[in-house]
Amino acid sequence: MIFIPDQPGIQRTIILPFPPDINHRRITRENILVEMQGLAEDLLKLYAFLRDQREYHDGAYDELAKRLNELPAVVGLGFFQDNAAANQTDVALSNGMSIRGYAAPLAGSIVGIAVKSNDARTAGSLTVKPTINAVAGSITAVLDGDNMTATFTQQDGGTDVFAAGDNLGATIITTAAWLPVTADVDVVVGVIYSGRFT
């Protein structure tokens, strides 16, 4: 039996046929013709079995390929801010082109956010949040006394969902005590696309 993980619309298991019963006979002069005929029949059964095995395995590989092709891939959207100042409130981060974020090419959902600073936090805290059309999502990643250089947060798909054409961005919050203000911060928002190009 070949196991394939659950996926809507895809058969989970493919049952392989059992090998045929082949009788092992002692051939003598008296029964050679009868036994040769029986051996030929057994060989035909074995050939049919091997042919079916090939068909079943081909079917299994097709199902597996289909399953892998339909697995959602996590895509990372990059943002940054150099010399992160203290006392910021929901300031949009740049993606290198603008602070408007990325236009989603397909529908999908946000599944994670990560932040990394080139300088370790020494005071205060820094929080980053993903956004959909400038509205904050459900998760944050925070640099503080526990995570001073890098951290990430994940969530299941389907919580913060977006449609094709929505703007996907990230914002930063820093406390008044945040140090160092020379820190360069990189942020990645993880998304999965559930739609398909037609």
C-alpha atoms as a PDB file:
ATOM      1  CA  MET A   1       0.000   0.000   0.000  1.00  0.00           C
ATOM      2  CA  ILE A   2       1.337   3.427  -0.924  1.00  0.00           C
ATOM      3  CA  PHE A   3       0.366   6.200   1.479  1.00  0.00           C
ATOM      4  CA  ILE A   4      -0.315   9.712   0.238  1.00  0.00           C
ATOM      5  CA  PRO A   5      -1.073  12.499   2.770  1.00  0.00           C
ATOM      6  CA  ASP A   6      -4.575  13.954   2.947  1.00  0.00           C
ATOM      7  CA  GLN A   7      -5.445  16.430   0.245  1.00  0.00           C
ATOM      8  CA  PRO A   8      -8.958  17.311  -0.875  1.00  0.00           C
ATOM      9  CA  GLY A   9      -9.817  15.648  -4.140  1.00  0.00           C
ATOM     10  CA  ILE A  10      -6.862  13.286  -4.085  1.00  0.00           C
ATOM     11  CA  GLN A  11      -7.076   9.572  -3.360  1.00  0.00           C
ATOM     12  CA  ARG A  12      -5.112   8.901  -0.186  1.00  0.00           C
ATOM     13  CA  THR A  13      -4.117   5.298  -0.800  1.00  0.00           C
ATOM     14  CA  ILE A  14      -3.504   3.084  -3.765  1.00  0.00           C
ATOM     15  CA  ILE A  15      -4.003  -0.627  -3.061  1.00  0.00           C
ATOM     16  CA  LEU A  16      -1.439  -2.792  -4.783  1.00  0.00           C
ATOM     17  CA  PRO A  17      -2.476  -6.287  -5.954  1.00  0.00           C
ATOM     18  CA  PHE A  18      -1.220  -9.368  -4.156  1.00  0.00           C
ATOM     19  CA  PRO A  19       1.249 -11.552  -6.064  1.00  0.00           C
ATOM     20  CA  PRO A  20      -0.242 -14.642  -7.695  1.00  0.00           C
ATOM     21  CA  ASP A  21      -0.062 -18.088  -6.124  1.00  0.00           C
ATOM     22  CA  ILE A  22       2.602 -20.085  -7.895  1.00  0.00           C
ATOM     23  CA  ASN A  23       2.844 -23.772  -7.147  1.00  0.00           C
ATOM     24  CA  HIS A  24       6.327 -25.183  -6.933  1.00  0.00           C
ATOM     25  CA  ARG A  25       6.196 -28.641  -8.514  1.00  0.00           C
ATOM     26  CA  ARG A  26       8.616 -31.496  -8.762  1.00  0.00           C
ATOM     27  CA  ILE A  27       8.923 -32.328 -12.443  1.00  0.00           C
ATOM     28  CA  THR A  28       9.421 -35.952 -13.476  1.00  0.00           C
ATOM     29  CA  ARG A  29       9.409 -37.751 -16.849  1.00  0.00           C
ATOM     30  CA  GLU A  30       5.850 -38.829 -16.250  1.00  0.00           C
ATOM     31  CA  ASN A  31       4.386 -35.371 -15.574  1.00  0.00           C
ATOM     32  CA  ILE A  32       6.685 -33.124 -17.588  1.00  0.00           C
ATOM     33  CA  LEU A  33       4.099 -32.071 -20.188  1.00  0.00           C
ATOM     34  CA  VAL A  34       1.427 -31.332 -17.624  1.00  0.00           C
ATOM     35  CA  GLU A  35       3.860 -29.490 -15.381  1.00  0.00           C
ATOM     36  CA  MET A  36       5.330 -27.459 -18.257  1.00  0.00           C
ATOM     37  CA  GLN A  37       1.830 -26.335 -19.134  1.00  0.00           C
ATOM     38  CA  GLY A  38       1.235 -25.388 -15.497  1.00  0.00           C
ATOM     39  CA  LEU A  39       4.549 -23.526 -15.407  1.00  0.00           C
ATOM     40  CA  ALA A  40       3.576 -21.566 -18.515  1.00  0.00           C
ATOM     41  CA  GLU A  41       0.285 -20.595 -16.868  1.00  0.00           C
ATOM     42  CA  ASP A  42       2.146 -19.477 -13.749  1.00  0.00           C
ATOM     43  CA  LEU A  43       4.510 -17.378 -15.831  1.00  0.00           C
ATOM     44  CA  LEU A  44       1.545 -15.712 -17.516  1.00  0.00           C
ATOM     45  CA  LYS A  45       0.097 -14.938 -14.069  1.00  0.00           C
ATOM     46  CA  LEU A  46       3.429 -13.497 -12.963  1.00  0.00           C
ATOM     47  CA  TYR A  47       3.684 -11.376 -16.091  1.00  0.00           C
ATOM     48  CA  ALA A  48       0.169 -10.037 -15.543  1.00  0.00           C
ATOM     49  CA  PHE A  49       1.006  -9.291 -11.912  1.00  0.00           C
ATOM     50  CA  LEU A  50       4.165  -7.372 -12.840  1.00  0.00           C
ATOM     51  CA  ARG A  51       2.270  -5.453 -15.510  1.00  0.00           C
ATOM     52  CA  ASP A  52      -0.389  -4.479 -12.928  1.00  0.00           C
ATOM     53  CA  GLN A  53       2.331  -3.476 -10.494  1.00  0.00           C
ATOM     54  CA  ARG A  54       3.736  -1.094 -13.091  1.00  0.00           C
ATOM     55  CA  GLU A  55       0.303   0.438 -13.660  1.00  0.00           C
ATOM     56  CA  TYR A  56      -0.343   0.833  -9.935  1.00  0.00           C
ATOM     57  CA  HIS A  57       3.062   2.382  -9.330  1.00  0.00           C
ATOM     58  CA  ASP A  58       2.565   4.777 -12.237  1.00  0.00           C
ATOM     59  CA  GLY A  59      -0.761   5.774 -10.714  1.00  0.00           C
ATOM     60  CA  ALA A  60       0.875   6.293  -7.325  1.00  0.00           C
ATOM     61  CA  TYR A  61       3.582   8.514  -8.775  1.00  0.00           C
ATOM     62  CA  ASP A  62       0.966  10.535 -10.657  1.00  0.00           C
ATOM     63  CA  GLU A  63      -1.001  11.044  -7.441  1.00  0.00           C
ATOM     64  CA  LEU A  64       2.167  12.007  -5.548  1.00  0.00           C
ATOM     65  CA  ALA A  65       3.190  14.490  -8.245  1.00  0.00           C
ATOM     66  CA  LYS A  66      -0.286  16.016  -8.159  1.00  0.00           C
ATOM     67  CA  ARG A  67      -0.136  16.243  -4.367  1.00  0.00           C
ATOM     68  CA  LEU A  68       3.275  17.951  -4.417  1.00  0.00           C
ATOM     69  CA  ASN A  69       2.202  20.385  -7.106  1.00  0.00           C
ATOM     70  CA  GLU A  70      -0.770  21.448  -4.998  1.00  0.00           C
ATOM     71  CA  LEU A  71       1.203  21.987  -1.799  1.00  0.00           C
ATOM     72  CA  PRO A  72       1.182  25.687  -0.922  1.00  0.00           C
ATOM     73  CA  ALA A  73       4.634  27.245  -1.013  1.00  0.00           C
ATOM     74  CA  VAL A  74       5.584  29.860   1.558  1.00  0.00           C
ATOM     75  CA  VAL A  75       6.793  33.062  -0.090  1.00  0.00           C
ATOM     76  CA  GLY A  76       8.821  35.620   1.856  1.00  0.00           C
ATOM     77  CA  LEU A  77       8.161  39.327   1.298  1.00  0.00           C
ATOM     78  CA  GLY A  78      11.081  41.483   2.406  1.00  0.00           C
ATOM     79  CA  PHE A  79      11.016  44.860   4.184  1.00  0.00           C
ATOM     80  CA  PHE A  80      13.594  46.948   6.041  1.00  0.00           C
ATOM     81  CA  GLN A  81      14.394  50.095   7.973  1.00  0.00           C
ATOM     82  CA  ASP A  82      17.902  51.419   8.551  1.00  0.00           C
ATOM     83  CA  ASN A  83      18.776  53.292  11.741  1.00  0.00           C
ATOM     84  CA  ALA A  84      15.528  52.343  13.465  1.00  0.00           C
ATOM     85  CA  ALA A  85      14.574  55.342  15.579  1.00  0.00           C
ATOM     86  CA  ALA A  86      12.910  55.229  18.977  1.00  0.00           C
ATOM     87  CA  ASN A  87       9.284  56.160  19.628  1.00  0.00           C
ATOM     88  CA  GLN A  88       7.822  55.007  16.298  1.00  0.00           C
ATOM     89  CA  THR A  89       4.150  54.037  16.006  1.00  0.00           C
ATOM     90  CA  ASP A  90       2.981  51.832  13.125  1.00  0.00           C
ATOM     91  CA  VAL A  91       5.476  53.254  10.653  1.00  0.00           C
ATOM     92  CA  ALA A  92       5.315  51.484   7.295  1.00  0.00           C
ATOM     93  CA  LEU A  93       8.490  49.681   6.293  1.00  0.00           C
ATOM     94  CA  SER A  94      10.048  49.949   2.866  1.00  0.00           C
ATOM     95  CA  ASN A  95      10.326  47.018   0.481  1.00  0.00           C
ATOM     96  CA  GLY A  96      13.103  48.769  -1.412  1.00  0.00           C
ATOM     97  CA  MET A  97      10.738  50.425  -3.876  1.00  0.00           C
ATOM     98  CA  SER A  98       8.089  52.047  -1.696  1.00  0.00           C
ATOM     99  CA  ILE A  99       6.360  51.816   1.685  1.00  0.00           C
ATOM    100  CA  ARG A 100       3.099  50.713   0.061  1.00  0.00           C
ATOM    101  CA  GLY A 101       4.119  47.036   0.172  1.00  0.00           C
ATOM    102  CA  TYR A 102       3.499  44.390  -2.444  1.00  0.00           C
ATOM    103  CA  ALA A 103       0.382  43.928  -4.552  1.00  0.00           C
ATOM    104  CA  ALA A 104      -0.750  40.315  -4.058  1.00  0.00           C
ATOM    105  CA  PRO A 105      -0.862  38.489  -7.414  1.00  0.00           C
ATOM    106  CA  LEU A 106      -3.202  35.829  -5.974  1.00  0.00           C
ATOM    107  CA  ALA A 107      -5.452  35.299  -2.986  1.00  0.00           C
ATOM    108  CA  GLY A 108      -3.802  33.802   0.088  1.00  0.00           C
ATOM    109  CA  SER A 109      -2.982  34.339   3.743  1.00  0.00           C
ATOM    110  CA  ILE A 110      -0.185  35.502   6.030  1.00  0.00           C
ATOM    111  CA  VAL A 111       1.530  32.665   7.892  1.00  0.00           C
ATOM    112  CA  GLY A 112       4.508  34.282   9.587  1.00  0.00           C
ATOM    113  CA  ILE A 113       6.730  37.253  10.269  1.00  0.00           C
ATOM    114  CA  ALA A 114      10.421  37.435  11.155  1.00  0.00           C
ATOM    115  CA  VAL A 115      12.643  40.303  12.231  1.00  0.00           C
ATOM    116  CA  LYS A 116      16.408  40.625  12.526  1.00  0.00           C
ATOM    117  CA  SER A 117      18.582  43.510  13.653  1.00  0.00           C
ATOM    118  CA  ASN A 118      22.250  43.890  12.787  1.00  0.00           C
ATOM    119  CA  ASP A 119      22.808  45.371  16.258  1.00  0.00           C
ATOM    120  CA  ALA A 120      21.526  43.642  19.373  1.00  0.00           C
ATOM    121  CA  ARG A 121      18.793  45.405  21.318  1.00  0.00           C
ATOM    122  CA  THR A 122      20.136  47.108  24.452  1.00  0.00           C
ATOM    123  CA  ALA A 123      16.998  48.852  25.767  1.00  0.00           C
ATOM    124  CA  GLY A 124      13.287  49.145  25.057  1.00  0.00           C
ATOM    125  CA  SER A 125      11.517  47.039  22.469  1.00  0.00           C
ATOM    126  CA  LEU A 126      10.853  46.911  18.750  1.00  0.00           C
ATOM    127  CA  THR A 127       7.735  45.306  17.293  1.00  0.00           C
ATOM    128  CA  VAL A 128       6.925  44.515  13.667  1.00  0.00           C
ATOM    129  CA  LYS A 129       3.522  43.535  12.277  1.00  0.00           C
ATOM    130  CA  PRO A 130       2.324  42.368   8.873  1.00  0.00           C
ATOM    131  CA  THR A 131      -0.425  44.393   7.227  1.00  0.00           C
ATOM    132  CA  ILE A 132      -3.119  43.858   4.613  1.00  0.00           C
ATOM    133  CA  ASN A 133      -4.182  47.118   2.987  1.00  0.00           C
ATOM    134  CA  ALA A 134      -2.510  48.962   5.893  1.00  0.00           C
ATOM    135  CA  VAL A 135      -4.544  47.008   8.482  1.00  0.00           C
ATOM    136  CA  ALA A 136      -2.448  45.077  11.009  1.00  0.00           C
ATOM    137  CA  GLY A 137      -2.580  41.305  11.010  1.00  0.00           C
ATOM    138  CA  SER A 138      -2.907  38.997  14.008  1.00  0.00           C
ATOM    139  CA  ILE A 139       0.757  38.277  14.668  1.00  0.00           C
ATOM    140  CA  THR A 140       3.816  40.277  15.719  1.00  0.00           C
ATOM    141  CA  ALA A 141       7.534  39.696  16.126  1.00  0.00           C
ATOM    142  CA  VAL A 142       9.227  41.535  18.999  1.00  0.00           C
ATOM    143  CA  LEU A 143      12.833  42.348  19.845  1.00  0.00           C
ATOM    144  CA  ASP A 144      13.139  42.781  23.589  1.00  0.00           C
ATOM    145  CA  GLY A 145      15.045  41.461  26.572  1.00  0.00           C
ATOM    146  CA  ASP A 146      14.376  37.865  25.533  1.00  0.00           C
ATOM    147  CA  ASN A 147      14.984  38.179  21.809  1.00  0.00           C
ATOM    148  CA  MET A 148      17.635  40.811  21.304  1.00  0.00           C
ATOM    149  CA  THR A 149      18.759  40.189  17.723  1.00  0.00           C
ATOM    150  CA  ALA A 150      16.190  38.090  15.864  1.00  0.00           C
ATOM    151  CA  THR A 151      12.851  36.364  16.314  1.00  0.00           C
ATOM    152  CA  PHE A 152       9.890  35.077  14.324  1.00  0.00           C
ATOM    153  CA  THR A 153       6.224  34.180  14.781  1.00  0.00           C
ATOM    154  CA  GLN A 154       4.111  31.728  12.787  1.00  0.00           C
ATOM    155  CA  GLN A 155       0.397  31.025  12.435  1.00  0.00           C
ATOM    156  CA  ASP A 156      -1.817  28.692  10.459  1.00  0.00           C
ATOM    157  CA  GLY A 157      -2.993  29.738   7.045  1.00  0.00           C
ATOM    158  CA  GLY A 158      -6.514  31.096   6.813  1.00  0.00           C
ATOM    159  CA  THR A 159      -6.292  33.516   9.750  1.00  0.00           C
ATOM    160  CA  ASP A 160      -5.155  36.711   8.039  1.00  0.00           C
ATOM    161  CA  VAL A 161      -6.448  36.282   4.507  1.00  0.00           C
ATOM    162  CA  PHE A 162      -6.048  38.586   1.534  1.00  0.00           C
ATOM    163  CA  ALA A 163      -7.432  38.813  -1.978  1.00  0.00           C
ATOM    164  CA  ALA A 164      -5.585  39.244  -5.236  1.00  0.00           C
ATOM    165  CA  GLY A 165      -4.677  42.905  -5.580  1.00  0.00           C
ATOM    166  CA  ASP A 166      -4.503  43.627  -1.844  1.00  0.00           C
ATOM    167  CA  ASN A 167      -1.393  45.453  -0.599  1.00  0.00           C
ATOM    168  CA  LEU A 168       0.796  43.369   1.716  1.00  0.00           C
ATOM    169  CA  GLY A 169       3.086  45.342   3.980  1.00  0.00           C
ATOM    170  CA  ALA A 170       4.736  45.584   7.379  1.00  0.00           C
ATOM    171  CA  THR A 171       4.938  48.223  10.102  1.00  0.00           C
ATOM    172  CA  ILE A 172       7.283  48.938  12.979  1.00  0.00           C
ATOM    173  CA  ILE A 173       6.689  50.138  16.536  1.00  0.00           C
ATOM    174  CA  THR A 174       9.511  51.175  18.878  1.00  0.00           C
ATOM    175  CA  THR A 175       9.264  52.325  22.460  1.00  0.00           C
ATOM    176  CA  ALA A 176      10.724  55.628  23.621  1.00  0.00           C
ATOM    177  CA  ALA A 177      13.506  53.680  25.338  1.00  0.00           C
ATOM    178  CA  TRP A 178      14.486  51.657  22.240  1.00  0.00           C
ATOM    179  CA  LEU A 179      18.216  51.343  21.668  1.00  0.00           C
ATOM    180  CA  PRO A 180      20.334  51.253  19.622  1.00  0.00           C
ATOM    181  CA  VAL A 181      18.936  53.780  17.166  1.00  0.00           C
ATOM    182  CA  THR A 182      21.688  52.783  14.738  1.00  0.00           C
ATOM    183  CA  ALA A 183      20.131  49.319  14.270  1.00  0.00           C
ATOM    184  CA  ASP A 184      19.295  48.254  10.722  1.00  0.00           C
ATOM    185  CA  VAL A 185      16.209  46.041  10.792  1.00  0.00           C
ATOM    186  CA  ASP A 186      15.214  43.448   8.209  1.00  0.00           C
ATOM    187  CA  VAL A 187      11.717  41.937   8.184  1.00  0.00           C
ATOM    188  CA  VAL A 188      10.211  39.067   6.208  1.00  0.00           C
ATOM    189  CA  VAL A 189       6.465  38.455   5.999  1.00  0.00           C
ATOM    190  CA  GLY A 190       5.649  34.860   5.087  1.00  0.00           C
ATOM    191  CA  VAL A 191       2.589  34.285   2.885  1.00  0.00           C
ATOM    192  CA  ILE A 192       0.998  31.359   1.086  1.00  0.00           C
ATOM    193  CA  TYR A 193      -1.012  31.802  -2.069  1.00  0.00           C
ATOM    194  CA  SER A 194      -4.149  29.700  -2.294  1.00  0.00           C
ATOM    195  CA  GLY A 195      -5.271  30.941  -5.695  1.00  0.00           C
ATOM    196  CA  ARG A 196      -4.050  29.781  -9.103  1.00  0.00           C
ATOM    197  CA  PHE A 197      -3.045  31.609 -12.249  1.00  0.00           C
ATOM    198  CA  THR A 198      -5.432  30.842 -15.097  1.00  0.00           C
END
